[in-house]
Structures are given as C-alpha cells and as structure tokens.
PDB file of N, CA and C in Angstrom:
ATOM      1  N   MET A   1      79.804  91.800  92.116  1.00  0.00           N
ATOM      2  CA  MET A   1      79.605  90.225  90.669  1.00  0.00           C
ATOM      3  C   MET A   1      78.519  90.582  90.038  1.00  0.00           C
ATOM      4  N   GLN A   2      78.811  90.034  89.158  1.00  0.00           N
ATOM      5  CA  GLN A   2      77.784  89.780  88.058  1.00  0.00           C
ATOM      6  C   GLN A   2      76.531  88.505  87.858  1.00  0.00           C
ATOM      7  N   PRO A   3      75.337  89.457  87.722  1.00  0.00           N
ATOM      8  CA  PRO A   3      74.231  88.575  87.946  1.00  0.00           C
ATOM      9  C   PRO A   3      74.185  87.319  86.964  1.00  0.00           C
ATOM     10  N   ALA A   4      73.632  86.430  87.445  1.00  0.00           N
ATOM     11  CA  ALA A   4      73.640  85.065  87.005  1.00  0.00           C
ATOM     12  C   ALA A   4      73.107  84.773  85.468  1.00  0.00           C
ATOM     13  N   ASN A   5      72.014  85.919  85.145  1.00  0.00           N
ATOM     14  CA  ASN A   5      71.436  86.036  84.290  1.00  0.00           C
ATOM     15  C   ASN A   5      72.151  86.628  82.580  1.00  0.00           C
ATOM     16  N   GLU A   6      73.192  87.547  83.103  1.00  0.00           N
ATOM     17  CA  GLU A   6      73.798  88.584  82.542  1.00  0.00           C
ATOM     18  C   GLU A   6      74.948  87.659  81.671  1.00  0.00           C
ATOM     19  N   LEU A   7      74.367  87.498  80.425  1.00  0.00           N
ATOM     20  CA  LEU A   7      75.832  86.992  79.134  1.00  0.00           C
ATOM     21  C   LEU A   7      77.607  88.087  79.300  1.00  0.00           C
ATOM     22  N   VAL A   8      78.544  87.777  79.582  1.00  0.00           N
ATOM     23  CA  VAL A   8      79.314  88.804  79.031  1.00  0.00           C
ATOM     24  C   VAL A   8      79.881  87.899  77.533  1.00  0.00           C
ATOM     25  N   ASP A   9      80.282  89.504  76.799  1.00  0.00           N
ATOM     26  CA  ASP A   9      80.103  89.709  75.533  1.00  0.00           C
ATOM     27  C   ASP A   9      82.070  89.945  75.297  1.00  0.00           C
ATOM     28  N   VAL A  10      82.281  87.984  75.527  1.00  0.00           N
ATOM     29  CA  VAL A  10      83.623  87.780  75.280  1.00  0.00           C
ATOM     30  C   VAL A  10      84.693  88.408  74.283  1.00  0.00           C
ATOM     31  N   ASP A  11      83.679  88.987  73.163  1.00  0.00           N
ATOM     32  CA  ASP A  11      84.594  89.299  71.751  1.00  0.00           C
ATOM     33  C   ASP A  11      84.736  91.014  72.347  1.00  0.00           C
ATOM     34  N   LYS A  12      83.679  91.318  72.762  1.00  0.00           N
ATOM     35  CA  LYS A  12      83.789  93.006  73.416  1.00  0.00           C
ATOM     36  C   LYS A  12      84.763  93.246  74.603  1.00  0.00           C
ATOM     37  N   PHE A  13      85.126  92.258  75.270  1.00  0.00           N
ATOM     38  CA  PHE A  13      86.268  92.428  76.138  1.00  0.00           C
ATOM     39  C   PHE A  13      87.625  92.366  75.348  1.00  0.00           C
ATOM     40  N   SER A  14      87.604  90.821  74.534  1.00  0.00           N
ATOM     41  CA  SER A  14      88.541  90.896  74.060  1.00  0.00           C
ATOM     42  C   SER A  14      89.478  92.101  73.257  1.00  0.00           C
ATOM     43  N   LYS A  15      88.428  92.635  72.938  1.00  0.00           N
ATOM     44  CA  LYS A  15      88.568  93.828  71.587  1.00  0.00           C
ATOM     45  C   LYS A  15      89.567  95.277  72.853  1.00  0.00           C
ATOM     46  N   VAL A  16      88.566  95.341  73.812  1.00  0.00           N
ATOM     47  CA  VAL A  16      88.631  96.394  74.696  1.00  0.00           C
ATOM     48  C   VAL A  16      90.243  96.317  75.705  1.00  0.00           C
ATOM     49  N   LEU A  17      90.506  94.751  76.042  1.00  0.00           N
ATOM     50  CA  LEU A  17      91.555  94.047  76.455  1.00  0.00           C
ATOM     51  C   LEU A  17      92.994  94.719  75.237  1.00  0.00           C
ATOM     52  N   PHE A  18      92.638  94.032  74.400  1.00  0.00           N
ATOM     53  CA  PHE A  18      94.142  94.931  73.614  1.00  0.00           C
ATOM     54  C   PHE A  18      94.076  95.836  72.558  1.00  0.00           C
ATOM     55  N   ASP A  19      93.248  96.439  72.794  1.00  0.00           N
ATOM     56  CA  ASP A  19      93.426  98.105  72.314  1.00  0.00           C
ATOM     57  C   ASP A  19      94.014  98.538  73.863  1.00  0.00           C
ATOM     58  N   LYS A  20      93.513  98.415  74.979  1.00  0.00           N
ATOM     59  CA  LYS A  20      94.225  99.117  76.033  1.00  0.00           C
ATOM     60  C   LYS A  20      95.762  98.437  76.211  1.00  0.00           C
ATOM     61  N   GLU A  21      95.999  97.249  75.950  1.00  0.00           N
ATOM     62  CA  GLU A  21      97.347  96.821  75.520  1.00  0.00           C
ATOM     63  C   GLU A  21      98.115  97.530  74.896  1.00  0.00           C
ATOM     64  N   LYS A  22      97.720  97.558  73.432  1.00  0.00           N
ATOM     65  CA  LYS A  22      98.485  98.316  72.918  1.00  0.00           C
ATOM     66  C   LYS A  22      98.822  99.643  72.969  1.00  0.00           C
ATOM     67  N   LYS A  23      98.117 100.668  73.500  1.00  0.00           N
ATOM     68  CA  LYS A  23      97.922 101.977  74.186  1.00  0.00           C
ATOM     69  C   LYS A  23      99.120 102.285  75.105  1.00  0.00           C
ATOM     70  N   VAL A  24      98.735 101.314  76.262  1.00  0.00           N
ATOM     71  CA  VAL A  24     100.182 100.501  77.309  1.00  0.00           C
ATOM     72  C   VAL A  24     101.491 100.448  76.896  1.00  0.00           C
ATOM     73  N   ASP A  25     101.146 100.085  76.003  1.00  0.00           N
ATOM     74  CA  ASP A  25     102.430  99.176  74.844  1.00  0.00           C
ATOM     75  C   ASP A  25     103.348 100.529  74.850  1.00  0.00           C
ATOM     76  N   THR A  26     102.471 101.206  74.069  1.00  0.00           N
ATOM     77  CA  THR A  26     102.931 102.817  73.342  1.00  0.00           C
ATOM     78  C   THR A  26     103.515 103.467  74.080  1.00  0.00           C
ATOM     79  N   LEU A  27     102.567 103.838  75.417  1.00  0.00           N
ATOM     80  CA  LEU A  27     102.759 104.566  76.619  1.00  0.00           C
ATOM     81  C   LEU A  27     104.404 103.978  77.191  1.00  0.00           C
ATOM     82  N   LEU A  28     104.549 102.502  77.370  1.00  0.00           N
ATOM     83  CA  LEU A  28     105.737 101.983  77.934  1.00  0.00           C
ATOM     84  C   LEU A  28     106.977 102.779  77.350  1.00  0.00           C
ATOM     85  N   ASP A  29     106.745 102.528  75.781  1.00  0.00           N
ATOM     86  CA  ASP A  29     107.935 102.930  75.111  1.00  0.00           C
ATOM     87  C   ASP A  29     108.068 104.451  75.374  1.00  0.00           C
ATOM     88  N   ALA A  30     107.449 105.008  75.593  1.00  0.00           N
ATOM     89  CA  ALA A  30     107.880 106.630  75.916  1.00  0.00           C
ATOM     90  C   ALA A  30     107.988 106.843  77.055  1.00  0.00           C
ATOM     91  N   ILE A  31     107.439 106.233  77.917  1.00  0.00           N
ATOM     92  CA  ILE A  31     108.667 106.869  79.496  1.00  0.00           C
ATOM     93  C   ILE A  31     109.972 105.967  79.331  1.00  0.00           C
ATOM     94  N   TYR A  32     109.637 104.426  78.494  1.00  0.00           N
ATOM     95  CA  TYR A  32     111.375 104.381  78.729  1.00  0.00           C
ATOM     96  C   TYR A  32     112.529 105.206  77.931  1.00  0.00           C
ATOM     97  N   LYS A  33     112.011 106.550  76.819  1.00  0.00           N
ATOM     98  CA  LYS A  33     112.691 106.697  76.082  1.00  0.00           C
ATOM     99  C   LYS A  33     113.295 108.231  77.381  1.00  0.00           C
ATOM    100  N   GLU A  34     111.854 108.379  77.935  1.00  0.00           N
ATOM    101  CA  GLU A  34     112.337 109.562  78.968  1.00  0.00           C
ATOM    102  C   GLU A  34     113.181 109.363  79.864  1.00  0.00           C
ATOM    103  N   VAL A  35     112.857 107.756  80.439  1.00  0.00           N
ATOM    104  CA  VAL A  35     113.698 107.454  81.594  1.00  0.00           C
ATOM    105  C   VAL A  35     115.146 106.981  81.841  1.00  0.00           C
ATOM    106  N   LYS A  36     115.411 106.052  80.450  1.00  0.00           N
ATOM    107  CA  LYS A  36     116.481 105.402  80.494  1.00  0.00           C
ATOM    108  C   LYS A  36     117.610 106.528  80.491  1.00  0.00           C
ATOM    109  N   PRO A  37     117.475 108.002  79.357  1.00  0.00           N
ATOM    110  CA  PRO A  37     118.798 108.408  79.778  1.00  0.00           C
ATOM    111  C   PRO A  37     119.514 109.280  81.143  1.00  0.00           C
ATOM    112  N   ILE A  38     118.202 109.573  82.127  1.00  0.00           N
ATOM    113  CA  ILE A  38     118.322 110.356  83.158  1.00  0.00           C
ATOM    114  C   ILE A  38     118.596 108.774  84.572  1.00  0.00           C
ATOM    115  N   ALA A  39     118.460 108.292  83.874  1.00  0.00           N
ATOM    116  CA  ALA A  39     118.709 106.556  84.821  1.00  0.00           C
ATOM    117  C   ALA A  39     119.423 106.557  85.272  1.00  0.00           C
ATOM    118  N   LYS A  40     121.162 106.840  84.417  1.00  0.00           N
ATOM    119  CA  LYS A  40     122.135 106.922  85.039  1.00  0.00           C
ATOM    120  C   LYS A  40     123.001 107.665  85.704  1.00  0.00           C
ATOM    121  N   ARG A  41     122.030 108.592  86.233  1.00  0.00           N
ATOM    122  CA  ARG A  41     122.540 109.978  86.833  1.00  0.00           C
ATOM    123  C   ARG A  41     122.445 109.570  88.520  1.00  0.00           C
ATOM    124  N   ASP A  42     123.086 110.260  89.345  1.00  0.00           N
ATOM    125  CA  ASP A  42     123.141 110.136  90.645  1.00  0.00           C
ATOM    126  C   ASP A  42     122.350 110.673  91.267  1.00  0.00           C
ATOM    127  N   GLU A  43     121.408 111.684  90.736  1.00  0.00           N
ATOM    128  CA  GLU A  43     120.040 112.147  90.940  1.00  0.00           C
ATOM    129  C   GLU A  43     119.133 112.521  90.238  1.00  0.00           C
ATOM    130  N   PHE A  44     117.987 112.583  89.986  1.00  0.00           N
ATOM    131  CA  PHE A  44     116.801 112.588  89.479  1.00  0.00           C
ATOM    132  C   PHE A  44     115.540 112.453  89.661  1.00  0.00           C
ATOM    133  N   ASP A  45     114.511 113.396  89.186  1.00  0.00           N
ATOM    134  CA  ASP A  45     113.518 113.595  89.642  1.00  0.00           C
ATOM    135  C   ASP A  45     111.895 112.682  88.636  1.00  0.00           C
ATOM    136  N   LEU A  46     111.854 111.820  88.634  1.00  0.00           N
ATOM    137  CA  LEU A  46     111.009 111.403  87.723  1.00  0.00           C
ATOM    138  C   LEU A  46     109.627 111.862  87.727  1.00  0.00           C
ATOM    139  N   PHE A  47     109.396 112.586  88.639  1.00  0.00           N
ATOM    140  CA  PHE A  47     108.211 113.337  88.629  1.00  0.00           C
ATOM    141  C   PHE A  47     108.197 114.394  87.988  1.00  0.00           C
ATOM    142  N   GLU A  48     109.042 115.233  88.034  1.00  0.00           N
ATOM    143  CA  GLU A  48     109.195 116.347  87.380  1.00  0.00           C
ATOM    144  C   GLU A  48     109.559 115.671  85.732  1.00  0.00           C
ATOM    145  N   THR A  49     110.219 114.496  85.329  1.00  0.00           N
ATOM    146  CA  THR A  49     110.840 114.923  84.247  1.00  0.00           C
ATOM    147  C   THR A  49     109.510 114.345  83.261  1.00  0.00           C
ATOM    148  N   LEU A  50     108.494 113.804  84.014  1.00  0.00           N
ATOM    149  CA  LEU A  50     107.350 113.240  82.944  1.00  0.00           C
ATOM    150  C   LEU A  50     106.018 113.389  83.441  1.00  0.00           C
ATOM    151  N   ILE A  51     106.516 114.822  83.687  1.00  0.00           N
ATOM    152  CA  ILE A  51     105.121 115.705  83.903  1.00  0.00           C
ATOM    153  C   ILE A  51     104.397 116.611  82.786  1.00  0.00           C
ATOM    154  N   ASP A  52     105.575 116.532  81.520  1.00  0.00           N
ATOM    155  CA  ASP A  52     104.914 116.739  80.138  1.00  0.00           C
ATOM    156  C   ASP A  52     103.906 115.681  79.854  1.00  0.00           C
ATOM    157  N   LEU A  53     103.989 114.578  80.023  1.00  0.00           N
ATOM    158  CA  LEU A  53     103.472 113.188  79.362  1.00  0.00           C
ATOM    159  C   LEU A  53     101.900 113.327  79.911  1.00  0.00           C
ATOM    160  N   ASN A  54     101.694 114.203  80.723  1.00  0.00           N
ATOM    161  CA  ASN A  54     100.170 114.298  81.351  1.00  0.00           C
ATOM    162  C   ASN A  54      99.666 112.889  81.369  1.00  0.00           C
ATOM    163  N   LEU A  55     100.145 112.327  82.346  1.00  0.00           N
ATOM    164  CA  LEU A  55      99.838 110.645  83.328  1.00  0.00           C
ATOM    165  C   LEU A  55      98.934 110.728  83.860  1.00  0.00           C
ATOM    166  N   LYS A  56      97.962 112.214  84.244  1.00  0.00           N
ATOM    167  CA  LYS A  56      96.553 112.156  85.166  1.00  0.00           C
ATOM    168  C   LYS A  56      95.603 111.318  84.442  1.00  0.00           C
ATOM    169  N   SER A  57      95.473 111.454  83.400  1.00  0.00           N
ATOM    170  CA  SER A  57      94.551 110.720  82.759  1.00  0.00           C
ATOM    171  C   SER A  57      94.395 109.149  82.849  1.00  0.00           C
ATOM    172  N   LEU A  58      95.423 108.548  83.057  1.00  0.00           N
ATOM    173  CA  LEU A  58      95.752 107.273  82.973  1.00  0.00           C
ATOM    174  C   LEU A  58      94.551 106.337  84.029  1.00  0.00           C
ATOM    175  N   LYS A  59      94.896 106.949  85.179  1.00  0.00           N
ATOM    176  CA  LYS A  59      93.467 106.540  86.513  1.00  0.00           C
ATOM    177  C   LYS A  59      92.349 107.085  85.370  1.00  0.00           C
ATOM    178  N   ASP A  60      91.843 107.436  85.435  1.00  0.00           N
ATOM    179  CA  ASP A  60      90.548 107.516  84.312  1.00  0.00           C
ATOM    180  C   ASP A  60      90.081 105.855  83.557  1.00  0.00           C
ATOM    181  N   LYS A  61      90.952 105.950  82.596  1.00  0.00           N
ATOM    182  CA  LYS A  61      91.374 104.551  81.568  1.00  0.00           C
ATOM    183  C   LYS A  61      91.606 103.544  82.562  1.00  0.00           C
ATOM    184  N   GLY A  62      91.566 103.233  83.641  1.00  0.00           N
ATOM    185  CA  GLY A  62      92.314 102.039  84.870  1.00  0.00           C
ATOM    186  C   GLY A  62      93.402 101.811  84.495  1.00  0.00           C
ATOM    187  N   THR A  63      94.602 102.485  84.664  1.00  0.00           N
ATOM    188  CA  THR A  63      95.754 102.190  84.534  1.00  0.00           C
ATOM    189  C   THR A  63      96.608 102.972  85.379  1.00  0.00           C
ATOM    190  N   ILE A  64      97.474 102.334  85.914  1.00  0.00           N
ATOM    191  CA  ILE A  64      98.313 102.809  86.993  1.00  0.00           C
ATOM    192  C   ILE A  64     100.145 102.454  86.429  1.00  0.00           C
ATOM    193  N   LEU A  65     100.559 103.623  86.089  1.00  0.00           N
ATOM    194  CA  LEU A  65     102.289 103.249  86.031  1.00  0.00           C
ATOM    195  C   LEU A  65     103.465 103.025  87.112  1.00  0.00           C
ATOM    196  N   LEU A  66     104.274 102.370  87.136  1.00  0.00           N
ATOM    197  CA  LEU A  66     105.034 102.435  87.896  1.00  0.00           C
ATOM    198  C   LEU A  66     106.583 101.909  87.502  1.00  0.00           C
ATOM    199  N   VAL A  67     107.431 102.916  87.716  1.00  0.00           N
ATOM    200  CA  VAL A  67     108.863 103.086  87.369  1.00  0.00           C
ATOM    201  C   VAL A  67     109.646 102.600  88.555  1.00  0.00           C
ATOM    202  N   TYR A  68     110.724 101.218  88.620  1.00  0.00           N
ATOM    203  CA  TYR A  68     111.235 100.983  89.277  1.00  0.00           C
ATOM    204  C   TYR A  68     112.766 101.147  88.972  1.00  0.00           C
ATOM    205  N   LEU A  69     114.164 101.724  89.751  1.00  0.00           N
ATOM    206  CA  LEU A  69     114.814 101.349  89.232  1.00  0.00           C
ATOM    207  C   LEU A  69     115.636 101.399  90.313  1.00  0.00           C
ATOM    208  N   ASN A  70     116.711 100.207  90.242  1.00  0.00           N
ATOM    209  CA  ASN A  70     117.536  99.539  91.156  1.00  0.00           C
ATOM    210  C   ASN A  70     117.049  99.313  91.903  1.00  0.00           C
ATOM    211  N   ASP A  71     115.701  98.174  91.751  1.00  0.00           N
ATOM    212  CA  ASP A  71     114.640  97.710  92.405  1.00  0.00           C
ATOM    213  C   ASP A  71     114.091  98.081  93.716  1.00  0.00           C
ATOM    214  N   SER A  72     113.743  99.835  93.361  1.00  0.00           N
ATOM    215  CA  SER A  72     113.152 100.668  94.027  1.00  0.00           C
ATOM    216  C   SER A  72     112.550 101.450  93.357  1.00  0.00           C
ATOM    217  N   LEU A  73     110.815 101.314  93.457  1.00  0.00           N
ATOM    218  CA  LEU A  73     110.298 102.268  93.281  1.00  0.00           C
ATOM    219  C   LEU A  73     110.370 103.853  93.401  1.00  0.00           C
ATOM    220  N   GLN A  74     110.672 104.562  91.942  1.00  0.00           N
ATOM    221  CA  GLN A  74     110.970 106.057  91.628  1.00  0.00           C
ATOM    222  C   GLN A  74     109.552 106.471  91.365  1.00  0.00           C
ATOM    223  N   PHE A  75     108.697 105.624  90.482  1.00  0.00           N
ATOM    224  CA  PHE A  75     107.789 107.260  90.151  1.00  0.00           C
ATOM    225  C   PHE A  75     106.553 105.859  90.309  1.00  0.00           C
ATOM    226  N   TRP A  76     104.951 106.425  90.858  1.00  0.00           N
ATOM    227  CA  TRP A  76     104.044 106.129  90.554  1.00  0.00           C
ATOM    228  C   TRP A  76     102.793 107.019  90.017  1.00  0.00           C
ATOM    229  N   SER A  77     101.621 106.409  89.245  1.00  0.00           N
ATOM    230  CA  SER A  77     101.057 107.579  88.575  1.00  0.00           C
ATOM    231  C   SER A  77      99.664 108.210  89.398  1.00  0.00           C
ATOM    232  N   ASP A  78      99.554 106.642  90.250  1.00  0.00           N
ATOM    233  CA  ASP A  78      98.718 106.356  90.816  1.00  0.00           C
ATOM    234  C   ASP A  78      99.038 105.857  92.345  1.00  0.00           C
ATOM    235  N   ASN A  79      98.214 106.406  93.278  1.00  0.00           N
ATOM    236  CA  ASN A  79      98.609 105.740  94.964  1.00  0.00           C
ATOM    237  C   ASN A  79      96.738 105.112  94.781  1.00  0.00           C
ATOM    238  N   SER A  80      96.190 104.542  93.944  1.00  0.00           N
ATOM    239  CA  SER A  80      95.044 104.120  94.528  1.00  0.00           C
ATOM    240  C   SER A  80      95.160 102.473  95.347  1.00  0.00           C
ATOM    241  N   ILE A  81      96.189 101.804  94.135  1.00  0.00           N
ATOM    242  CA  ILE A  81      96.830 100.369  95.230  1.00  0.00           C
ATOM    243  C   ILE A  81      98.298 100.845  95.883  1.00  0.00           C
ATOM    244  N   GLU A  82      98.375  99.417  96.555  1.00  0.00           N
ATOM    245  CA  GLU A  82      99.336  99.787  97.162  1.00  0.00           C
ATOM    246  C   GLU A  82     100.294  98.622  97.261  1.00  0.00           C
ATOM    247  N   VAL A  83     101.360  98.625  96.777  1.00  0.00           N
ATOM    248  CA  VAL A  83     102.415  98.073  96.063  1.00  0.00           C
ATOM    249  C   VAL A  83     103.965  98.195  96.734  1.00  0.00           C
ATOM    250  N   ASN A  84     104.468  97.125  96.938  1.00  0.00           N
ATOM    251  CA  ASN A  84     105.795  96.946  97.600  1.00  0.00           C
ATOM    252  C   ASN A  84     106.837  98.231  96.801  1.00  0.00           C
ATOM    253  N   GLN A  85     107.493  98.302  97.885  1.00  0.00           N
ATOM    254  CA  GLN A  85     108.779  99.802  96.944  1.00  0.00           C
ATOM    255  C   GLN A  85     109.727  98.997  96.602  1.00  0.00           C
ATOM    256  N   ILE A  86     110.085  97.862  96.796  1.00  0.00           N
ATOM    257  CA  ILE A  86     111.014  96.711  96.787  1.00  0.00           C
ATOM    258  C   ILE A  86     110.364  95.860  94.993  1.00  0.00           C
ATOM    259  N   TYR A  87     110.699  96.356  93.877  1.00  0.00           N
ATOM    260  CA  TYR A  87     110.169  95.672  92.993  1.00  0.00           C
ATOM    261  C   TYR A  87     110.484  94.266  92.429  1.00  0.00           C
ATOM    262  N   SER A  88     111.336  93.483  93.419  1.00  0.00           N
ATOM    263  CA  SER A  88     111.685  91.909  93.727  1.00  0.00           C
ATOM    264  C   SER A  88     110.971  91.541  94.658  1.00  0.00           C
ATOM    265  N   LYS A  89     109.963  91.969  95.790  1.00  0.00           N
ATOM    266  CA  LYS A  89     108.962  91.742  96.417  1.00  0.00           C
ATOM    267  C   LYS A  89     107.824  92.194  96.579  1.00  0.00           C
ATOM    268  N   ALA A  90     107.590  93.015  94.988  1.00  0.00           N
ATOM    269  CA  ALA A  90     106.346  93.605  94.468  1.00  0.00           C
ATOM    270  C   ALA A  90     105.608  92.892  93.868  1.00  0.00           C
ATOM    271  N   ASP A  91     106.211  91.224  93.476  1.00  0.00           N
ATOM    272  CA  ASP A  91     105.607  90.395  92.360  1.00  0.00           C
ATOM    273  C   ASP A  91     104.600  90.987  91.032  1.00  0.00           C
ATOM    274  N   LEU A  92     105.659  91.709  90.884  1.00  0.00           N
ATOM    275  CA  LEU A  92     104.497  92.339  89.214  1.00  0.00           C
ATOM    276  C   LEU A  92     105.247  91.687  88.181  1.00  0.00           C
ATOM    277  N   ASN A  93     106.018  90.235  88.452  1.00  0.00           N
ATOM    278  CA  ASN A  93     106.374  90.147  86.892  1.00  0.00           C
ATOM    279  C   ASN A  93     105.373  89.092  86.649  1.00  0.00           C
ATOM    280  N   ASN A  94     104.090  88.886  86.969  1.00  0.00           N
ATOM    281  CA  ASN A  94     103.122  87.695  86.784  1.00  0.00           C
ATOM    282  C   ASN A  94     102.437  88.990  85.611  1.00  0.00           C
ATOM    283  N   THR A  95     101.524  88.005  84.615  1.00  0.00           N
ATOM    284  CA  THR A  95     101.138  88.627  83.643  1.00  0.00           C
ATOM    285  C   THR A  95      99.846  89.287  84.039  1.00  0.00           C
ATOM    286  N   VAL A  96      98.881  88.355  85.337  1.00  0.00           N
ATOM    287  CA  VAL A  96      97.346  88.920  85.416  1.00  0.00           C
ATOM    288  C   VAL A  96      98.218  88.915  87.205  1.00  0.00           C
ATOM    289  N   LEU A  97      97.617  89.428  87.655  1.00  0.00           N
ATOM    290  CA  LEU A  97      97.800  89.847  89.415  1.00  0.00           C
ATOM    291  C   LEU A  97      96.823  90.410  90.216  1.00  0.00           C
ATOM    292  N   ASN A  98      96.708  89.699  90.979  1.00  0.00           N
ATOM    293  CA  ASN A  98      95.437  90.107  92.252  1.00  0.00           C
ATOM    294  C   ASN A  98      95.926  90.886  93.697  1.00  0.00           C
ATOM    295  N   LEU A  99      95.586  92.167  93.855  1.00  0.00           N
ATOM    296  CA  LEU A  99      96.066  93.217  94.206  1.00  0.00           C
ATOM    297  C   LEU A  99      95.392  93.992  94.916  1.00  0.00           C
ATOM    298  N   ASN A 100      94.977  93.855  96.182  1.00  0.00           N
ATOM    299  CA  ASN A 100      93.570  94.616  96.936  1.00  0.00           C
ATOM    300  C   ASN A 100      92.387  94.263  96.881  1.00  0.00           C
ATOM    301  N   ASN A 101      92.109  93.267  96.520  1.00  0.00           N
ATOM    302  CA  ASN A 101      91.012  92.552  95.969  1.00  0.00           C
ATOM    303  C   ASN A 101      90.565  93.191  94.901  1.00  0.00           C
ATOM    304  N   ALA A 102      91.332  92.888  93.787  1.00  0.00           N
ATOM    305  CA  ALA A 102      91.336  93.079  92.074  1.00  0.00           C
ATOM    306  C   ALA A 102      92.241  93.064  91.478  1.00  0.00           C
ATOM    307  N   TRP A 103      91.732  92.631  90.113  1.00  0.00           N
ATOM    308  CA  TRP A 103      92.493  92.163  89.365  1.00  0.00           C
ATOM    309  C   TRP A 103      93.132  92.804  88.662  1.00  0.00           C
ATOM    310  N   PHE A 104      94.804  92.697  88.373  1.00  0.00           N
ATOM    311  CA  PHE A 104      94.994  93.294  86.677  1.00  0.00           C
ATOM    312  C   PHE A 104      95.944  92.812  86.376  1.00  0.00           C
ATOM    313  N   TYR A 105      96.018  93.274  85.170  1.00  0.00           N
ATOM    314  CA  TYR A 105      96.507  92.858  83.979  1.00  0.00           C
ATOM    315  C   TYR A 105      98.018  93.446  84.213  1.00  0.00           C
ATOM    316  N   VAL A 106      98.832  92.946  83.996  1.00  0.00           N
ATOM    317  CA  VAL A 106     100.069  93.833  83.816  1.00  0.00           C
ATOM    318  C   VAL A 106     100.945  93.659  82.781  1.00  0.00           C
ATOM    319  N   ARG A 107     101.492  94.771  82.229  1.00  0.00           N
ATOM    320  CA  ARG A 107     102.786  94.945  81.355  1.00  0.00           C
ATOM    321  C   ARG A 107     103.596  95.641  81.526  1.00  0.00           C
ATOM    322  N   SER A 108     104.587  94.866  81.141  1.00  0.00           N
ATOM    323  CA  SER A 108     106.063  95.714  81.454  1.00  0.00           C
ATOM    324  C   SER A 108     107.179  95.616  80.692  1.00  0.00           C
ATOM    325  N   MET A 109     108.120  96.665  80.550  1.00  0.00           N
ATOM    326  CA  MET A 109     109.133  96.351  80.062  1.00  0.00           C
ATOM    327  C   MET A 109     110.711  96.677  81.027  1.00  0.00           C
ATOM    328  N   HIS A 110     111.664  95.981  80.799  1.00  0.00           N
ATOM    329  CA  HIS A 110     112.544  95.199  81.403  1.00  0.00           C
ATOM    330  C   HIS A 110     113.959  96.044  80.896  1.00  0.00           C
ATOM    331  N   ASP A 111     114.700  96.368  81.845  1.00  0.00           N
ATOM    332  CA  ASP A 111     116.038  96.801  80.870  1.00  0.00           C
ATOM    333  C   ASP A 111     116.696  96.771  81.883  1.00  0.00           C
ATOM    334  N   LYS A 112     117.877  96.130  82.137  1.00  0.00           N
ATOM    335  CA  LYS A 112     118.775  96.147  83.667  1.00  0.00           C
ATOM    336  C   LYS A 112     118.256  96.502  84.649  1.00  0.00           C
ATOM    337  N   ASN A 113     118.591  97.219  85.181  1.00  0.00           N
ATOM    338  CA  ASN A 113     118.000  97.798  86.287  1.00  0.00           C
ATOM    339  C   ASN A 113     116.839  98.729  86.672  1.00  0.00           C
ATOM    340  N   LEU A 114     116.087  98.691  85.383  1.00  0.00           N
ATOM    341  CA  LEU A 114     115.174  99.606  85.317  1.00  0.00           C
ATOM    342  C   LEU A 114     114.130  98.441  84.985  1.00  0.00           C
ATOM    343  N   GLU A 115     112.504  99.158  85.874  1.00  0.00           N
ATOM    344  CA  GLU A 115     111.244  98.212  85.204  1.00  0.00           C
ATOM    345  C   GLU A 115     110.326  99.417  85.352  1.00  0.00           C
ATOM    346  N   ILE A 116     109.844  99.220  84.315  1.00  0.00           N
ATOM    347  CA  ILE A 116     108.397  99.914  83.786  1.00  0.00           C
ATOM    348  C   ILE A 116     107.294  99.288  83.945  1.00  0.00           C
TER     349      ILE A 116
END
C-alpha cells in the first residue's frame, strides 16, 4: 500500500500505461503473424515457433503472454500467475482483471478459435 502522504503522479502513470499498451499491441500483432499460419495444423509447438521472438524479457517488463487455441492454453511466457487452461473459464475477456492478489491490464487479440 501507498503511504497516505505520498501523491500519485497520474500523468506519469497514464504515460507509462499507454506506452506499454502500444508495445503490447505491437507484440500481439507479431505473435498473431507467427501463430495464425500454424494454428491450422494438427500438430505444432508454439514454444518452438515463438522462441525467436525473445519473449524472456517480458517478465522484466511486467508482461505475460498467453496463447489459447480452440479454448485450450497452448503457450505462456511466464508461469508467475495461475490462469485457467480453458479460455472460456479463464475470465480473460475483461480489460482489468484481479488474479492472485494483483491487478492486471489485459490486452488481447481474437480471431475465430485463436486468443492471444
């Protein structure tokens, strides 16, 4: 919790949030371009497919990437939070989400049976 006498710099918070939002949207586009062509195959390994995108730095930036295909979790960049393996039960379609005693701002991309 924040001490009562400490003020929040709302402008700075907004700028940081919107900057991260732009970066995440760019990442979502890149992931979509990699995943969409292989999502139609019977067998695929998203961990192998996405390894070249250097997603390890996401955790340091406070970002977690999840990819669901046909309502099942197929890829996660970090396991620091527990999410449901079934998209329809994961409640990730909200913009702001409380998971494991922390608040998350959710950005997502939807295309038929693909949720990023």
